[in-house]
Each structure stands twice: as structure tokens, then as C-alpha cells.
PDB file of N, CA and C in Angstrom:
ATOM      1  N   MET A   1     131.207 119.632 125.686  1.00  0.00           N
ATOM      2  CA  MET A   1     131.999 119.483 124.491  1.00  0.00           C
ATOM      3  C   MET A   1     131.149 119.849 123.267  1.00  0.00           C
ATOM      4  N   LYS A   2     131.732 120.618 122.362  1.00  0.00           N
ATOM      5  CA  LYS A   2     131.035 121.029 121.150  1.00  0.00           C
ATOM      6  C   LYS A   2     130.900 119.856 120.194  1.00  0.00           C
ATOM      7  N   ASN A   3     129.821 119.889 119.404  1.00  0.00           N
ATOM      8  CA  ASN A   3     129.701 118.839 118.393  1.00  0.00           C
ATOM      9  C   ASN A   3     130.631 119.149 117.224  1.00  0.00           C
ATOM     10  N   VAL A   4     130.776 118.190 116.337  1.00  0.00           N
ATOM     11  CA  VAL A   4     131.728 118.300 115.234  1.00  0.00           C
ATOM     12  C   VAL A   4     131.394 119.483 114.325  1.00  0.00           C
ATOM     13  N   LEU A   5     130.126 119.700 114.026  1.00  0.00           N
ATOM     14  CA  LEU A   5     129.759 120.810 113.146  1.00  0.00           C
ATOM     15  C   LEU A   5     130.113 122.163 113.764  1.00  0.00           C
ATOM     16  N   GLU A   6     129.930 122.311 115.075  1.00  0.00           N
ATOM     17  CA  GLU A   6     130.329 123.549 115.742  1.00  0.00           C
ATOM     18  C   GLU A   6     131.843 123.736 115.682  1.00  0.00           C
ATOM     19  N   GLN A   7     132.587 122.675 115.932  1.00  0.00           N
ATOM     20  CA  GLN A   7     134.049 122.751 115.862  1.00  0.00           C
ATOM     21  C   GLN A   7     134.506 123.113 114.456  1.00  0.00           C
ATOM     22  N   LEU A   8     133.883 122.519 113.447  1.00  0.00           N
ATOM     23  CA  LEU A   8     134.227 122.804 112.058  1.00  0.00           C
ATOM     24  C   LEU A   8     133.911 124.260 111.728  1.00  0.00           C
ATOM     25  N   TYR A   9     132.731 124.720 112.114  1.00  0.00           N
ATOM     26  CA  TYR A   9     132.319 126.098 111.839  1.00  0.00           C
ATOM     27  C   TYR A   9     133.235 127.103 112.534  1.00  0.00           C
ATOM     28  N   ASN A  10     133.635 126.818 113.749  1.00  0.00           N
ATOM     29  CA  ASN A  10     134.475 127.730 114.529  1.00  0.00           C
ATOM     30  C   ASN A  10     135.956 127.635 114.169  1.00  0.00           C
ATOM     31  N   GLY A  11     136.290 126.801 113.217  1.00  0.00           N
ATOM     32  CA  GLY A  11     137.680 126.687 112.787  1.00  0.00           C
ATOM     33  C   GLY A  11     138.562 125.933 113.763  1.00  0.00           C
ATOM     34  N   GLU A  12     137.971 125.134 114.613  1.00  0.00           N
ATOM     35  CA  GLU A  12     138.740 124.385 115.599  1.00  0.00           C
ATOM     36  C   GLU A  12     139.294 123.083 115.035  1.00  0.00           C
ATOM     37  N   ILE A  13     138.700 122.610 113.969  1.00  0.00           N
ATOM     38  CA  ILE A  13     139.230 121.449 113.268  1.00  0.00           C
ATOM     39  C   ILE A  13     139.439 121.834 111.810  1.00  0.00           C
ATOM     40  N   PHE A  14     140.499 121.318 111.222  1.00  0.00           N
ATOM     41  CA  PHE A  14     140.885 121.638 109.850  1.00  0.00           C
ATOM     42  C   PHE A  14     141.154 120.340 109.112  1.00  0.00           C
ATOM     43  N   PRO A  15     140.120 119.669 108.631  1.00  0.00           N
ATOM     44  CA  PRO A  15     140.322 118.340 108.031  1.00  0.00           C
ATOM     45  C   PRO A  15     141.379 118.307 106.937  1.00  0.00           C
ATOM     46  N   ALA A  16     141.383 119.282 106.055  1.00  0.00           N
ATOM     47  CA  ALA A  16     142.339 119.255 104.944  1.00  0.00           C
ATOM     48  C   ALA A  16     143.767 119.461 105.411  1.00  0.00           C
ATOM     49  N   GLU A  17     143.952 120.207 106.474  1.00  0.00           N
ATOM     50  CA  GLU A  17     145.304 120.494 106.958  1.00  0.00           C
ATOM     51  C   GLU A  17     145.776 119.492 107.997  1.00  0.00           C
ATOM     52  N   GLN A  18     144.859 118.856 108.702  1.00  0.00           N
ATOM     53  CA  GLN A  18     145.240 117.959 109.779  1.00  0.00           C
ATOM     54  C   GLN A  18     145.440 116.521 109.319  1.00  0.00           C
ATOM     55  N   TYR A  19     144.959 116.209 108.145  1.00  0.00           N
ATOM     56  CA  TYR A  19     145.051 114.830 107.666  1.00  0.00           C
ATOM     57  C   TYR A  19     146.439 114.530 107.127  1.00  0.00           C
ATOM     58  N   THR A  20     147.001 113.438 107.567  1.00  0.00           N
ATOM     59  CA  THR A  20     148.225 112.913 106.977  1.00  0.00           C
ATOM     60  C   THR A  20     148.083 111.398 106.905  1.00  0.00           C
ATOM     61  N   PRO A  21     148.422 110.822 105.781  1.00  0.00           N
ATOM     62  CA  PRO A  21     148.339 109.365 105.679  1.00  0.00           C
ATOM     63  C   PRO A  21     149.251 108.701 106.712  1.00  0.00           C
ATOM     64  N   LYS A  22     148.790 107.617 107.279  1.00  0.00           N
ATOM     65  CA  LYS A  22     149.540 106.950 108.341  1.00  0.00           C
ATOM     66  C   LYS A  22     150.032 105.559 107.944  1.00  0.00           C
ATOM     67  N   SER A  23     149.742 105.144 106.739  1.00  0.00           N
ATOM     68  CA  SER A  23     150.115 103.784 106.353  1.00  0.00           C
ATOM     69  C   SER A  23     151.618 103.672 106.119  1.00  0.00           C
ATOM     70  N   GLU A  24     152.110 102.477 106.324  1.00  0.00           N
ATOM     71  CA  GLU A  24     153.525 102.185 106.092  1.00  0.00           C
ATOM     72  C   GLU A  24     153.857 102.335 104.614  1.00  0.00           C
ATOM     73  N   GLU A  25     152.930 101.966 103.744  1.00  0.00           N
ATOM     74  CA  GLU A  25     153.141 102.091 102.300  1.00  0.00           C
ATOM     75  C   GLU A  25     153.362 103.559 101.911  1.00  0.00           C
ATOM     76  N   TYR A  26     152.537 104.459 102.451  1.00  0.00           N
ATOM     77  CA  TYR A  26     152.699 105.887 102.161  1.00  0.00           C
ATOM     78  C   TYR A  26     154.052 106.390 102.663  1.00  0.00           C
ATOM     79  N   ARG A  27     154.431 105.981 103.872  1.00  0.00           N
ATOM     80  CA  ARG A  27     155.703 106.431 104.445  1.00  0.00           C
ATOM     81  C   ARG A  27     156.870 106.026 103.560  1.00  0.00           C
ATOM     82  N   LYS A  28     156.843 104.793 103.054  1.00  0.00           N
ATOM     83  CA  LYS A  28     157.915 104.309 102.178  1.00  0.00           C
ATOM     84  C   LYS A  28     157.956 105.095 100.867  1.00  0.00           C
ATOM     85  N   ILE A  29     156.792 105.334 100.279  1.00  0.00           N
ATOM     86  CA  ILE A  29     156.723 106.093  99.022  1.00  0.00           C
ATOM     87  C   ILE A  29     157.244 107.507  99.238  1.00  0.00           C
ATOM     88  N   HIS A  30     156.803 108.132 100.327  1.00  0.00           N
ATOM     89  CA  HIS A  30     157.236 109.503 100.631  1.00  0.00           C
ATOM     90  C   HIS A  30     158.752 109.566 100.834  1.00  0.00           C
ATOM     91  N   GLN A  31     159.281 108.602 101.553  1.00  0.00           N
ATOM     92  CA  GLN A  31     160.725 108.551 101.811  1.00  0.00           C
ATOM     93  C   GLN A  31     161.504 108.379 100.506  1.00  0.00           C
ATOM     94  N   ARG A  32     161.004 107.532  99.616  1.00  0.00           N
ATOM     95  CA  ARG A  32     161.661 107.308  98.323  1.00  0.00           C
ATOM     96  C   ARG A  32     161.623 108.580  97.469  1.00  0.00           C
ATOM     97  N   HIS A  33     160.481 109.253  97.450  1.00  0.00           N
ATOM     98  CA  HIS A  33     160.366 110.499  96.679  1.00  0.00           C
ATOM     99  C   HIS A  33     161.284 111.580  97.229  1.00  0.00           C
ATOM    100  N   TYR A  34     161.364 111.673  98.541  1.00  0.00           N
ATOM    101  CA  TYR A  34     162.235 112.683  99.146  1.00  0.00           C
ATOM    102  C   TYR A  34     163.694 112.402  98.815  1.00  0.00           C
ATOM    103  N   SER A  35     164.073 111.141  98.782  1.00  0.00           N
ATOM    104  CA  SER A  35     165.440 110.776  98.413  1.00  0.00           C
ATOM    105  C   SER A  35     165.730 111.184  96.970  1.00  0.00           C
ATOM    106  N   HIS A  36     164.781 110.951  96.075  1.00  0.00           N
ATOM    107  CA  HIS A  36     164.942 111.369  94.680  1.00  0.00           C
ATOM    108  C   HIS A  36     165.072 112.887  94.575  1.00  0.00           C
ATOM    109  N   TYR A  37     164.277 113.591  95.373  1.00  0.00           N
ATOM    110  CA  TYR A  37     164.320 115.060  95.396  1.00  0.00           C
ATOM    111  C   TYR A  37     165.705 115.549  95.818  1.00  0.00           C
ATOM    112  N   GLU A  38     166.239 114.970  96.887  1.00  0.00           N
ATOM    113  CA  GLU A  38     167.563 115.383  97.363  1.00  0.00           C
ATOM    114  C   GLU A  38     168.641 115.111  96.310  1.00  0.00           C
ATOM    115  N   ASP A  39     168.568 113.965  95.674  1.00  0.00           N
ATOM    116  CA  ASP A  39     169.537 113.632  94.626  1.00  0.00           C
ATOM    117  C   ASP A  39     169.450 114.617  93.464  1.00  0.00           C
ATOM    118  N   PHE A  40     168.233 114.951  93.071  1.00  0.00           N
ATOM    119  CA  PHE A  40     168.033 115.878  91.960  1.00  0.00           C
ATOM    120  C   PHE A  40     168.539 117.278  92.320  1.00  0.00           C
ATOM    121  N   MET A  41     168.279 117.711  93.550  1.00  0.00           N
ATOM    122  CA  MET A  41     168.761 119.031  93.992  1.00  0.00           C
ATOM    123  C   MET A  41     170.289 119.077  93.952  1.00  0.00           C
ATOM    124  N   ALA A  42     170.942 117.994  94.311  1.00  0.00           N
ATOM    125  CA  ALA A  42     172.407 117.943  94.265  1.00  0.00           C
ATOM    126  C   ALA A  42     172.898 118.072  92.824  1.00  0.00           C
ATOM    127  N   LEU A  43     172.212 117.412  91.898  1.00  0.00           N
ATOM    128  CA  LEU A  43     172.586 117.526  90.483  1.00  0.00           C
ATOM    129  C   LEU A  43     172.389 118.952  89.964  1.00  0.00           C
ATOM    130  N   LEU A  44     171.298 119.573  90.338  1.00  0.00           N
ATOM    131  CA  LEU A  44     171.035 120.951  89.897  1.00  0.00           C
ATOM    132  C   LEU A  44     172.074 121.926  90.440  1.00  0.00           C
ATOM    133  N   GLY A  45     172.561 121.659  91.633  1.00  0.00           N
ATOM    134  CA  GLY A  45     173.576 122.515  92.238  1.00  0.00           C
ATOM    135  C   GLY A  45     174.920 122.438  91.536  1.00  0.00           C
ATOM    136  N   LYS A  46     175.159 121.347  90.828  1.00  0.00           N
ATOM    137  CA  LYS A  46     176.439 121.163  90.131  1.00  0.00           C
ATOM    138  C   LYS A  46     176.458 121.804  88.746  1.00  0.00           C
ATOM    139  N   LEU A  47     175.293 122.210  88.246  1.00  0.00           N
ATOM    140  CA  LEU A  47     175.230 122.827  86.923  1.00  0.00           C
ATOM    141  C   LEU A  47     175.817 124.236  86.950  1.00  0.00           C
ATOM    142  N   ASP A  48     176.173 124.711  85.791  1.00  0.00           N
ATOM    143  CA  ASP A  48     176.708 126.077  85.692  1.00  0.00           C
ATOM    144  C   ASP A  48     175.821 126.861  84.737  1.00  0.00           C
ATOM    145  N   PRO A  49     175.017 127.772  85.186  1.00  0.00           N
ATOM    146  CA  PRO A  49     174.830 128.197  86.581  1.00  0.00           C
ATOM    147  C   PRO A  49     173.973 127.198  87.358  1.00  0.00           C
ATOM    148  N   PRO A  50     174.102 127.177  88.687  1.00  0.00           N
ATOM    149  CA  PRO A  50     173.304 126.267  89.511  1.00  0.00           C
ATOM    150  C   PRO A  50     171.808 126.582  89.347  1.00  0.00           C
ATOM    151  N   LEU A  51     171.001 125.550  89.279  1.00  0.00           N
ATOM    152  CA  LEU A  51     169.571 125.747  89.038  1.00  0.00           C
ATOM    153  C   LEU A  51     168.675 125.342  90.213  1.00  0.00           C
ATOM    154  N   GLU A  52     169.252 124.975  91.346  1.00  0.00           N
ATOM    155  CA  GLU A  52     168.413 124.503  92.439  1.00  0.00           C
ATOM    156  C   GLU A  52     167.476 125.582  92.968  1.00  0.00           C
ATOM    157  N   LYS A  53     167.913 126.844  93.002  1.00  0.00           N
ATOM    158  CA  LYS A  53     167.039 127.921  93.492  1.00  0.00           C
ATOM    159  C   LYS A  53     165.847 128.118  92.569  1.00  0.00           C
ATOM    160  N   ARG A  54     166.070 128.066  91.260  1.00  0.00           N
ATOM    161  CA  ARG A  54     164.969 128.216  90.305  1.00  0.00           C
ATOM    162  C   ARG A  54     164.000 127.042  90.408  1.00  0.00           C
ATOM    163  N   PHE A  55     164.550 125.852  90.600  1.00  0.00           N
ATOM    164  CA  PHE A  55     163.697 124.675  90.758  1.00  0.00           C
ATOM    165  C   PHE A  55     162.821 124.813  92.009  1.00  0.00           C
ATOM    166  N   ILE A  56     163.382 125.289  93.097  1.00  0.00           N
ATOM    167  CA  ILE A  56     162.614 125.487  94.334  1.00  0.00           C
ATOM    168  C   ILE A  56     161.492 126.490  94.096  1.00  0.00           C
ATOM    169  N   GLU A  57     161.770 127.564  93.356  1.00  0.00           N
ATOM    170  CA  GLU A  57     160.732 128.549  93.045  1.00  0.00           C
ATOM    171  C   GLU A  57     159.581 127.913  92.268  1.00  0.00           C
ATOM    172  N   ILE A  58     159.928 127.090  91.280  1.00  0.00           N
ATOM    173  CA  ILE A  58     158.912 126.417  90.470  1.00  0.00           C
ATOM    174  C   ILE A  58     158.091 125.454  91.336  1.00  0.00           C
ATOM    175  N   MET A  59     158.768 124.697  92.183  1.00  0.00           N
ATOM    176  CA  MET A  59     158.066 123.752  93.057  1.00  0.00           C
ATOM    177  C   MET A  59     157.161 124.495  94.042  1.00  0.00           C
ATOM    178  N   ASP A  60     157.632 125.623  94.581  1.00  0.00           N
ATOM    179  CA  ASP A  60     156.810 126.409  95.500  1.00  0.00           C
ATOM    180  C   ASP A  60     155.537 126.897  94.825  1.00  0.00           C
ATOM    181  N   GLU A  61     155.648 127.299  93.553  1.00  0.00           N
ATOM    182  CA  GLU A  61     154.460 127.725  92.812  1.00  0.00           C
ATOM    183  C   GLU A  61     153.447 126.579  92.735  1.00  0.00           C
ATOM    184  N   GLN A  62     153.927 125.383  92.457  1.00  0.00           N
ATOM    185  CA  GLN A  62     153.023 124.235  92.360  1.00  0.00           C
ATOM    186  C   GLN A  62     152.455 123.861  93.722  1.00  0.00           C
ATOM    187  N   LEU A  63     153.280 123.932  94.760  1.00  0.00           N
ATOM    188  CA  LEU A  63     152.824 123.563  96.100  1.00  0.00           C
ATOM    189  C   LEU A  63     151.794 124.544  96.648  1.00  0.00           C
ATOM    190  N   ASP A  64     151.820 125.786  96.156  1.00  0.00           N
ATOM    191  CA  ASP A  64     150.826 126.771  96.588  1.00  0.00           C
ATOM    192  C   ASP A  64     149.413 126.372  96.177  1.00  0.00           C
ATOM    193  N   GLU A  65     149.282 125.511  95.177  1.00  0.00           N
ATOM    194  CA  GLU A  65     147.975 125.060  94.701  1.00  0.00           C
ATOM    195  C   GLU A  65     147.363 123.989  95.602  1.00  0.00           C
ATOM    196  N   ILE A  66     148.175 123.295  96.354  1.00  0.00           N
ATOM    197  CA  ILE A  66     147.703 122.139  97.120  1.00  0.00           C
ATOM    198  C   ILE A  66     146.578 122.485  98.104  1.00  0.00           C
ATOM    199  N   PRO A  67     146.669 123.579  98.874  1.00  0.00           N
ATOM    200  CA  PRO A  67     145.545 123.866  99.783  1.00  0.00           C
ATOM    201  C   PRO A  67     144.208 124.017  99.045  1.00  0.00           C
ATOM    202  N   TYR A  68     144.223 124.604  97.866  1.00  0.00           N
ATOM    203  CA  TYR A  68     142.993 124.745  97.093  1.00  0.00           C
ATOM    204  C   TYR A  68     142.476 123.379  96.654  1.00  0.00           C
ATOM    205  N   GLU A  69     143.402 122.520  96.246  1.00  0.00           N
ATOM    206  CA  GLU A  69     143.031 121.171  95.827  1.00  0.00           C
ATOM    207  C   GLU A  69     142.432 120.396  96.993  1.00  0.00           C
ATOM    208  N   PHE A  70     143.071 120.445  98.165  1.00  0.00           N
ATOM    209  CA  PHE A  70     142.551 119.750  99.341  1.00  0.00           C
ATOM    210  C   PHE A  70     141.182 120.290  99.729  1.00  0.00           C
ATOM    211  N   SER A  71     141.032 121.606  99.651  1.00  0.00           N
ATOM    212  CA  SER A  71     139.763 122.230  99.996  1.00  0.00           C
ATOM    213  C   SER A  71     138.653 121.720  99.090  1.00  0.00           C
ATOM    214  N   GLU A  72     138.904 121.698  97.798  1.00  0.00           N
ATOM    215  CA  GLU A  72     137.909 121.223  96.837  1.00  0.00           C
ATOM    216  C   GLU A  72     137.581 119.748  97.086  1.00  0.00           C
ATOM    217  N   MET A  73     138.609 118.936  97.351  1.00  0.00           N
ATOM    218  CA  MET A  73     138.371 117.512  97.595  1.00  0.00           C
ATOM    219  C   MET A  73     137.538 117.320  98.868  1.00  0.00           C
ATOM    220  N   PHE A  74     137.846 118.082  99.921  1.00  0.00           N
ATOM    221  CA  PHE A  74     137.089 117.974 101.166  1.00  0.00           C
ATOM    222  C   PHE A  74     135.631 118.355 100.939  1.00  0.00           C
ATOM    223  N   ILE A  75     135.420 119.476 100.249  1.00  0.00           N
ATOM    224  CA  ILE A  75     134.055 119.946 100.001  1.00  0.00           C
ATOM    225  C   ILE A  75     133.270 118.922  99.186  1.00  0.00           C
ATOM    226  N   ASP A  76     133.887 118.395  98.130  1.00  0.00           N
ATOM    227  CA  ASP A  76     133.211 117.390  97.310  1.00  0.00           C
ATOM    228  C   ASP A  76     132.903 116.133  98.121  1.00  0.00           C
ATOM    229  N   GLY A  77     133.834 115.708  98.957  1.00  0.00           N
ATOM    230  CA  GLY A  77     133.613 114.536  99.810  1.00  0.00           C
ATOM    231  C   GLY A  77     132.514 114.764 100.821  1.00  0.00           C
ATOM    232  N   PHE A  78     132.486 115.969 101.383  1.00  0.00           N
ATOM    233  CA  PHE A  78     131.450 116.307 102.357  1.00  0.00           C
ATOM    234  C   PHE A  78     130.078 116.310 101.683  1.00  0.00           C
ATOM    235  N   LYS A  79     130.005 116.874 100.487  1.00  0.00           N
ATOM    236  CA  LYS A  79     128.736 116.893  99.746  1.00  0.00           C
ATOM    237  C   LYS A  79     128.267 115.471  99.442  1.00  0.00           C
ATOM    238  N   LEU A  80     129.193 114.629  99.038  1.00  0.00           N
ATOM    239  CA  LEU A  80     128.842 113.242  98.754  1.00  0.00           C
ATOM    240  C   LEU A  80     128.310 112.557 100.015  1.00  0.00           C
ATOM    241  N   GLY A  81     128.992 112.772 101.139  1.00  0.00           N
ATOM    242  CA  GLY A  81     128.540 112.185 102.401  1.00  0.00           C
ATOM    243  C   GLY A  81     127.152 112.683 102.786  1.00  0.00           C
ATOM    244  N   ALA A  82     126.898 113.986 102.573  1.00  0.00           N
ATOM    245  CA  ALA A  82     125.581 114.548 102.889  1.00  0.00           C
ATOM    246  C   ALA A  82     124.510 113.941 101.982  1.00  0.00           C
ATOM    247  N   LYS A  83     124.833 113.752 100.702  1.00  0.00           N
ATOM    248  CA  LYS A  83     123.869 113.140  99.779  1.00  0.00           C
ATOM    249  C   LYS A  83     123.553 111.706 100.201  1.00  0.00           C
ATOM    250  N   ILE A  84     124.579 110.983 100.620  1.00  0.00           N
ATOM    251  CA  ILE A  84     124.377 109.599 101.065  1.00  0.00           C
ATOM    252  C   ILE A  84     123.472 109.581 102.291  1.00  0.00           C
ATOM    253  N   MET A  85     123.741 110.467 103.257  1.00  0.00           N
ATOM    254  CA  MET A  85     122.927 110.518 104.474  1.00  0.00           C
ATOM    255  C   MET A  85     121.486 110.911 104.139  1.00  0.00           C
ATOM    256  N   ALA A  86     121.289 111.860 103.235  1.00  0.00           N
ATOM    257  CA  ALA A  86     119.936 112.264 102.845  1.00  0.00           C
ATOM    258  C   ALA A  86     119.198 111.077 102.226  1.00  0.00           C
ATOM    259  N   GLU A  87     119.904 110.305 101.403  1.00  0.00           N
ATOM    260  CA  GLU A  87     119.291 109.146 100.766  1.00  0.00           C
ATOM    261  C   GLU A  87     118.938 108.100 101.807  1.00  0.00           C
ATOM    262  N   VAL A  88     119.806 107.894 102.782  1.00  0.00           N
ATOM    263  CA  VAL A  88     119.545 106.902 103.833  1.00  0.00           C
ATOM    264  C   VAL A  88     118.292 107.280 104.630  1.00  0.00           C
ATOM    265  N   PHE A  89     118.176 108.558 104.974  1.00  0.00           N
ATOM    266  CA  PHE A  89     117.043 108.978 105.791  1.00  0.00           C
ATOM    267  C   PHE A  89     115.734 108.997 105.009  1.00  0.00           C
ATOM    268  N   ARG A  90     115.776 109.147 103.687  1.00  0.00           N
ATOM    269  CA  ARG A  90     114.575 109.119 102.859  1.00  0.00           C
ATOM    270  C   ARG A  90     114.014 107.709 102.759  1.00  0.00           C
ATOM    271  N   CYS A  91     114.862 106.710 102.858  1.00  0.00           N
ATOM    272  CA  CYS A  91     114.423 105.329 102.632  1.00  0.00           C
ATOM    273  C   CYS A  91     113.744 104.712 103.848  1.00  0.00           C
ATOM    274  N   GLU A  92     113.813 105.351 104.978  1.00  0.00           N
ATOM    275  CA  GLU A  92     113.234 104.731 106.192  1.00  0.00           C
ATOM    276  C   GLU A  92     111.760 104.828 106.233  1.00  0.00           C
TER     277      GLU A  92
END
């Protein structure tokens, strides 16, 4: 079995893409937000002219940024973890 660093280097694990919160609190919040989204989309569809397609385009533009954000957060977290480990090993 390959070690974690080999798996990460070979693209076999994708921390930013594979992570999903598992808490009940997150599930409830997500469900509530999705319900609000559906209600809002219904309201946009009733306007003249309907605006739900334009809203989806705008949301897609914003959602395209998320992988970059996750990537930056993962990298910063990894650097912090490496700094902590370096500090731990220096103190021995």
C-alpha cells in the first residue's frame, strides 16, 4: 500500500474535492438553504421576463471560484501542519 504522500502526489486522493461535512448541524443548514434557493427560483420564474436562467448564470460564475478557494485553504492548512510538525521535531 502506498503512503499518503505518494497517493497525494499521484492524484489518488483529492482532499479538497473528497471532503464533505458530515455533521447533523451542517445537513440541516444545507437543507434549509436549498429550500430557500428553490423558493427564490420559483419567484424568479414568475417575473416578466423570468430571471431564473440569469440567476443560475450568476451563481455558476460564483461557484466556479470554489475549487480555487478550497485549493488555497488546503495548501494553507497543509503548510500550517508542516510548520507545527517542524516545530515539534525541533523541540526534542
